[in-house]
Amino acid sequence: MGDKYPIISILGIRFNLANCLSVLLSAAIVFALVFLSRKIALKPTKRQNVLEWMIDFTNGIVKSAMPGEEGKQFYLFAFVMFLFVFISNQFGLIFQMKVDEVVWLKSPTADPIITMSLAMIVLVLSHYFSIERLGFGNYLKSYIKPVGFFLPINIIEQFTNFLTLSLRLYGNIFAGEVLLNLLVKMAFSHGPATMLVTAPIQMVWQGFSVFIGSIQAFVFVTLSMVYISEKVEMED
C-alpha cells in the first residue's frame, strides 16, 4: 500500500509504534468491555447477557475441540483470545488514523507480525501442555508416530499450522483494509460525484468487513483449540 509507519529503535530493535499503540488500545477496549460488565445481578443487564453469551460461545468452541475435563483450563484463554482478535479485526474500521501520510492507528491484525505473534502464543502453549501431560520423552516420541519416517512430516506440520493460522487472519483483514482505503481515495478523487457513488459501496463494504472480522476471530480461536487439542489429547 505504500503506507509509512512511525518506527523507533531501542537497543538495535525496531518497533512499529502504530502496531504498539493499536495493540495496547485493542487490549484496553477488551479490558473495559469485560470490566464494565463484571457485576453479576439476579436480573441480568444487557451487558451481563452479552458477556454470558460470549463466554458460553467461546466455551462451546473449546468443548467442540476438547470435550473432556482437560478442556476446561482453556475456557478463559479462548474467551480472551476471541475478544482480542475480534476487537483487533474491527479496530481499523473505526480508529484508523493517519497524520501527514504516517499511519498511527490501524487494525493490529492487518500486520503479519501481530498475527504471527498470536499464532506463536498458540504454538508455544500447545507444546507446553503436551510436554506437561506426556513428559518430555513421550513428547519427543510423538514425532516418530506412527512410524519413524514420519518425523520430517510431523515437524513440517508444526510450521504449516503456524503459517496457516497467522497468514489466514492477516490476509483477510489486510485485504479488507486495502479495499476500504481504495474506496476512500476514490471518493475524494473527482469531487462530489464520486463521493455519492462510493458512499453506499463503502457502507456495504464496512458491514461486510465487520462480518469477515467476526468470522476470522471465530476461525482463529477454533483452529487454535484444534491445534492445542491435538497435543493435549495425544496418546502417550
Protein backbone atom coordinates (compact mmCIF):
# COMPACT_ATOMS: atom_id res chain seq x y z
CA MET A 1 0.00 0.00 0.00
CA GLY A 2 2.99 2.31 0.40
CA ASP A 3 1.93 3.50 3.86
CA LYS A 4 4.52 5.00 6.20
CA TYR A 5 4.73 3.98 9.85
CA PRO A 6 6.43 5.59 12.88
CA ILE A 7 9.47 3.44 13.65
CA ILE A 8 11.75 3.77 16.67
CA SER A 9 14.84 1.76 17.52
CA ILE A 10 15.69 0.65 21.07
CA LEU A 11 18.96 -1.24 21.59
CA GLY A 12 19.01 -2.04 17.89
CA ILE A 13 15.48 -3.46 17.92
CA ARG A 14 12.97 -1.69 15.66
CA PHE A 15 9.47 -1.03 16.97
CA ASN A 16 6.48 -0.01 14.88
CA LEU A 17 4.62 2.47 17.07
CA ALA A 18 1.43 2.01 15.04
CA ASN A 19 1.41 -1.68 16.00
CA CYS A 20 2.24 -0.94 19.63
CA LEU A 21 -0.45 1.71 20.03
CA SER A 22 -3.09 -0.29 18.17
CA VAL A 23 -2.43 -3.45 20.22
CA LEU A 24 -2.49 -1.53 23.51
CA LEU A 25 -5.75 0.24 22.62
CA SER A 26 -7.35 -3.01 21.47
CA ALA A 27 -6.35 -4.67 24.74
CA ALA A 28 -7.67 -1.66 26.69
CA ILE A 29 -11.03 -1.91 24.88
CA VAL A 30 -11.26 -5.62 25.69
CA PHE A 31 -10.46 -4.91 29.35
CA ALA A 32 -13.02 -2.09 29.51
CA LEU A 33 -15.77 -4.22 27.94
CA VAL A 34 -15.24 -7.02 30.44
CA PHE A 35 -14.64 -4.73 33.42
CA LEU A 36 -17.84 -2.74 32.84
CA SER A 37 -19.83 -5.99 32.62
CA ARG A 38 -18.24 -7.70 35.63
CA LYS A 39 -21.11 -7.14 38.09
CA ILE A 40 -23.44 -10.13 38.30
CA ALA A 41 -27.09 -9.43 39.11
CA LEU A 42 -30.06 -11.74 39.69
CA LYS A 43 -31.83 -9.79 36.98
CA PRO A 44 -29.16 -9.71 34.24
CA THR A 45 -28.48 -6.44 32.47
CA LYS A 46 -27.89 -6.25 28.74
CA ARG A 47 -24.13 -6.10 29.34
CA GLN A 48 -24.25 -9.17 31.54
CA ASN A 49 -26.35 -11.06 28.98
CA VAL A 50 -23.88 -10.24 26.21
CA LEU A 51 -20.89 -11.23 28.36
CA GLU A 52 -22.50 -14.51 29.41
CA TRP A 53 -23.42 -15.28 25.83
CA MET A 54 -19.83 -14.69 24.70
CA ILE A 55 -18.48 -16.88 27.50
CA ASP A 56 -20.88 -19.69 26.53
CA PHE A 57 -19.92 -19.20 22.88
CA THR A 58 -16.17 -19.49 23.45
CA ASN A 59 -16.66 -22.35 25.93
CA GLY A 60 -18.56 -24.13 23.15
CA ILE A 61 -15.58 -23.68 20.82
CA VAL A 62 -13.30 -25.33 23.39
CA LYS A 63 -15.77 -28.16 24.08
CA SER A 64 -16.04 -28.95 20.37
CA ALA A 65 -12.27 -29.50 20.22
CA MET A 66 -11.71 -30.87 23.73
CA PRO A 67 -14.92 -32.31 25.19
CA GLY A 68 -13.15 -33.82 28.20
CA GLU A 69 -12.15 -32.27 31.52
CA GLU A 70 -8.80 -31.13 30.15
CA GLY A 71 -10.56 -28.54 28.00
CA LYS A 72 -11.83 -26.52 30.98
CA GLN A 73 -8.42 -24.99 31.62
CA PHE A 74 -8.62 -23.27 28.21
CA TYR A 75 -12.01 -21.58 28.68
CA LEU A 76 -10.51 -18.27 29.78
CA PHE A 77 -7.79 -18.37 27.13
CA ALA A 78 -10.32 -18.91 24.33
CA PHE A 79 -12.57 -16.14 25.67
CA VAL A 80 -9.77 -13.55 25.90
CA MET A 81 -8.25 -14.56 22.56
CA PHE A 82 -11.60 -14.34 20.77
CA LEU A 83 -12.37 -10.90 22.21
CA PHE A 84 -8.91 -9.55 21.43
CA VAL A 85 -8.85 -10.86 17.84
CA PHE A 86 -12.41 -9.66 17.24
CA ILE A 87 -11.69 -6.13 18.52
CA SER A 88 -8.37 -6.03 16.66
CA ASN A 89 -10.09 -7.01 13.41
CA GLN A 90 -12.65 -4.20 13.76
CA PHE A 91 -10.23 -1.60 15.14
CA GLY A 92 -9.12 -0.17 11.80
CA LEU A 93 -12.70 0.32 10.61
CA ILE A 94 -13.30 2.84 13.39
CA PHE A 95 -10.00 4.22 14.66
CA GLN A 96 -7.69 4.22 11.63
CA MET A 97 -5.66 7.41 11.82
CA LYS A 98 -3.07 9.00 9.52
CA VAL A 99 -1.08 12.14 10.25
CA ASP A 100 0.95 13.60 7.36
CA GLU A 101 0.70 10.27 5.49
CA VAL A 102 2.04 8.41 8.52
CA VAL A 103 -0.24 5.67 9.91
CA TRP A 104 -0.58 5.82 13.69
CA LEU A 105 -3.61 3.62 14.25
CA LYS A 106 -4.88 0.64 12.27
CA SER A 107 -6.16 -2.90 12.76
CA PRO A 108 -3.34 -4.75 14.58
CA THR A 109 -4.25 -7.97 12.76
CA ALA A 110 -3.62 -6.27 9.41
CA ASP A 111 0.09 -6.73 10.16
CA PRO A 112 1.72 -10.18 9.81
CA ILE A 113 3.98 -9.54 12.81
CA ILE A 114 0.96 -9.33 15.10
CA THR A 115 -0.85 -12.36 13.68
CA MET A 116 2.37 -14.40 13.79
CA SER A 117 2.85 -13.37 17.43
CA LEU A 118 -0.68 -14.57 18.24
CA ALA A 119 -0.07 -17.83 16.37
CA MET A 120 3.23 -18.26 18.23
CA ILE A 121 1.39 -17.97 21.56
CA VAL A 122 -0.90 -20.80 20.48
CA LEU A 123 2.04 -22.88 19.24
CA VAL A 124 4.04 -22.46 22.46
CA LEU A 125 1.00 -23.27 24.62
CA SER A 126 0.23 -26.41 22.63
CA HIS A 127 3.76 -27.75 23.04
CA TYR A 128 3.99 -26.72 26.69
CA PHE A 129 0.81 -28.56 27.67
CA SER A 130 1.82 -31.54 25.57
CA ILE A 131 5.13 -31.83 27.46
CA GLU A 132 3.32 -31.29 30.79
CA ARG A 133 0.88 -34.11 30.07
CA LEU A 134 3.12 -36.64 28.30
CA GLY A 135 6.53 -35.87 29.72
CA PHE A 136 9.43 -34.69 27.58
CA GLY A 137 10.44 -38.19 26.43
CA ASN A 138 6.99 -39.22 25.24
CA TYR A 139 6.57 -35.78 23.68
CA LEU A 140 9.64 -36.35 21.52
CA LYS A 141 8.47 -39.88 20.66
CA SER A 142 5.21 -38.46 19.33
CA TYR A 143 7.13 -37.07 16.34
CA ILE A 144 8.03 -40.56 15.14
CA LYS A 145 4.49 -41.94 15.32
CA PRO A 146 3.05 -43.94 13.73
CA VAL A 147 6.42 -44.79 12.14
CA GLY A 148 9.88 -43.24 12.25
CA PHE A 149 9.98 -41.78 8.75
CA PHE A 150 7.04 -39.51 9.70
CA LEU A 151 9.50 -37.34 11.67
CA PRO A 152 10.09 -34.70 8.93
CA ILE A 153 6.37 -34.64 8.07
CA ASN A 154 5.39 -34.08 11.70
CA ILE A 155 7.97 -31.30 12.06
CA ILE A 156 6.83 -29.58 8.87
CA GLU A 157 3.23 -29.83 10.08
CA GLN A 158 4.08 -27.61 13.06
CA PHE A 159 5.38 -24.88 10.74
CA THR A 160 2.42 -25.16 8.38
CA ASN A 161 -0.01 -24.92 11.31
CA PHE A 162 1.78 -21.77 12.45
CA LEU A 163 1.78 -20.19 8.98
CA THR A 164 -1.82 -21.03 8.10
CA LEU A 165 -3.10 -19.82 11.47
CA SER A 166 -1.32 -16.47 11.22
CA LEU A 167 -1.44 -15.70 7.49
CA ARG A 168 -5.12 -16.59 7.07
CA LEU A 169 -6.06 -13.96 9.64
CA TYR A 170 -3.60 -11.39 8.30
CA GLY A 171 -4.60 -11.86 4.65
CA ASN A 172 -8.31 -11.40 5.26
CA ILE A 173 -8.01 -8.30 7.45
CA PHE A 174 -5.27 -6.68 5.36
CA ALA A 175 -7.20 -7.19 2.11
CA GLY A 176 -10.30 -5.64 3.66
CA GLU A 177 -8.42 -2.53 4.76
CA VAL A 178 -6.69 -2.18 1.38
CA LEU A 179 -10.02 -2.16 -0.43
CA LEU A 180 -11.54 0.25 2.09
CA ASN A 181 -8.62 2.67 1.60
CA LEU A 182 -9.01 2.42 -2.16
CA LEU A 183 -12.69 3.30 -1.85
CA VAL A 184 -11.85 6.30 0.33
CA LYS A 185 -9.28 7.54 -2.20
CA MET A 186 -11.76 7.02 -5.00
CA ALA A 187 -14.39 9.02 -3.11
CA PHE A 188 -12.14 12.08 -2.98
CA SER A 189 -10.68 11.69 -6.47
CA HIS A 190 -13.26 13.60 -8.54
CA GLY A 191 -15.30 15.63 -6.10
CA PRO A 192 -18.95 15.18 -5.04
CA ALA A 193 -19.82 12.89 -7.95
CA THR A 194 -17.50 10.09 -6.88
CA MET A 195 -18.38 10.63 -3.21
CA LEU A 196 -22.05 9.96 -3.95
CA VAL A 197 -21.19 6.84 -5.95
CA THR A 198 -18.74 5.33 -3.49
CA ALA A 199 -20.56 6.24 -0.25
CA PRO A 200 -23.06 3.33 -0.41
CA ILE A 201 -20.29 0.97 -1.55
CA GLN A 202 -18.20 1.97 1.47
CA MET A 203 -21.12 1.36 3.84
CA VAL A 204 -21.76 -2.08 2.35
CA TRP A 205 -18.08 -2.99 2.47
CA GLN A 206 -17.70 -1.82 6.08
CA GLY A 207 -20.63 -4.00 7.08
CA PHE A 208 -19.10 -6.92 5.20
CA SER A 209 -15.73 -6.25 6.88
CA VAL A 210 -17.39 -6.47 10.31
CA PHE A 211 -18.82 -9.84 9.30
CA ILE A 212 -15.47 -11.07 7.96
CA GLY A 213 -13.68 -9.86 11.10
CA SER A 214 -16.12 -11.78 13.27
CA ILE A 215 -15.76 -14.96 11.22
CA GLN A 216 -11.98 -14.72 11.26
CA ALA A 217 -11.93 -14.34 15.06
CA PHE A 218 -14.08 -17.47 15.30
CA VAL A 219 -11.88 -19.38 12.84
CA PHE A 220 -8.67 -18.32 14.61
CA VAL A 221 -9.86 -19.46 18.04
CA THR A 222 -11.38 -22.67 16.65
CA LEU A 223 -8.15 -23.66 14.88
CA SER A 224 -6.14 -22.68 17.96
CA MET A 225 -8.19 -25.06 20.09
CA VAL A 226 -7.87 -27.81 17.48
CA TYR A 227 -4.08 -27.45 17.38
CA ILE A 228 -3.85 -27.44 21.18
CA SER A 229 -6.19 -30.44 21.48
CA GLU A 230 -4.03 -32.43 19.05
CA LYS A 231 -1.15 -32.03 21.51
CA VAL A 232 -3.02 -32.27 24.79
CA GLU A 233 -5.10 -35.31 23.85
CA MET A 234 -2.22 -37.13 22.19
CA GLU A 235 -1.81 -40.70 23.41
CA ASP A 236 1.42 -41.42 25.27
